[in-house]
Amino acid sequence: MSDEAKIAESMRKARRRNRGYADYFRGQSKGHEERSIAYRLLVHLNKELRLKWEYQHRGHGQDPPDCEAIAEDGRRIGIEVTELVDQHSLEEVVRGGADPLTDWGREKLVAHVQRLLDRKDAPDRVQGGPYREYLLAIHTDEPALTADNLERLLLGHTFLETRLITAAFLIASFDPRRNTSPVIELRLGSARVLKP
């Protein structure tokens, strides 16, 4: 199969997975999507902390975590990926309804993110490891949750302490003004800081 044919098939697979709402991060498979999001997070961390990591997707049935990275010094880092999406809006669009603009106020956003943190902060479910760090990458393509809005709504907020997660990040969809998919680190009550 030629490269062009492989690209075309990959694009067809991705289109079949589209839901019609908050699809920026959708890939041709869940694994592809998770790898892509983990890669975006690692690119951001490499810029900020100048870390050199290799990463891989752990495969279906081998999660959590979805991906793992290995730093130059041998540290193993688990990376769990999850989505921040308004389920009601998504279901409305899938049923063929209008594309609603969800009202994401501070209270709703904080509560939703805290639920995701609570659900993913489950040390007893982790496979593989041991992991020196365990990162949570929360991606969102909610129309009202631009990077600017996320930063404004989360300003000064500290989420509850976590048992497993050492750092959590919100990854917004592409922002043309910033020429990137912005990554916003969440402040966790455990006050752990990812260090090289």
Foldseek 3Di string as FASTA:
>chain_A
DDPVVVVVVQVVLQVVPDLQAFSQQGGSDPLVSQVVLVVQVVVVCCVVAVWDWDKDAQDPPQDDVRMWIATPVGAIEGEREEEDDDPVQSVCVNVPHDNDQDDDALVNVLVSVLVVLVVPLDPVGGGDDDHPAYEYEYETARPVDAVVNVCVSQPPDEHEAGDHHQWYWYFYHADVVVRGGDIGTHHYPVRHDDHD
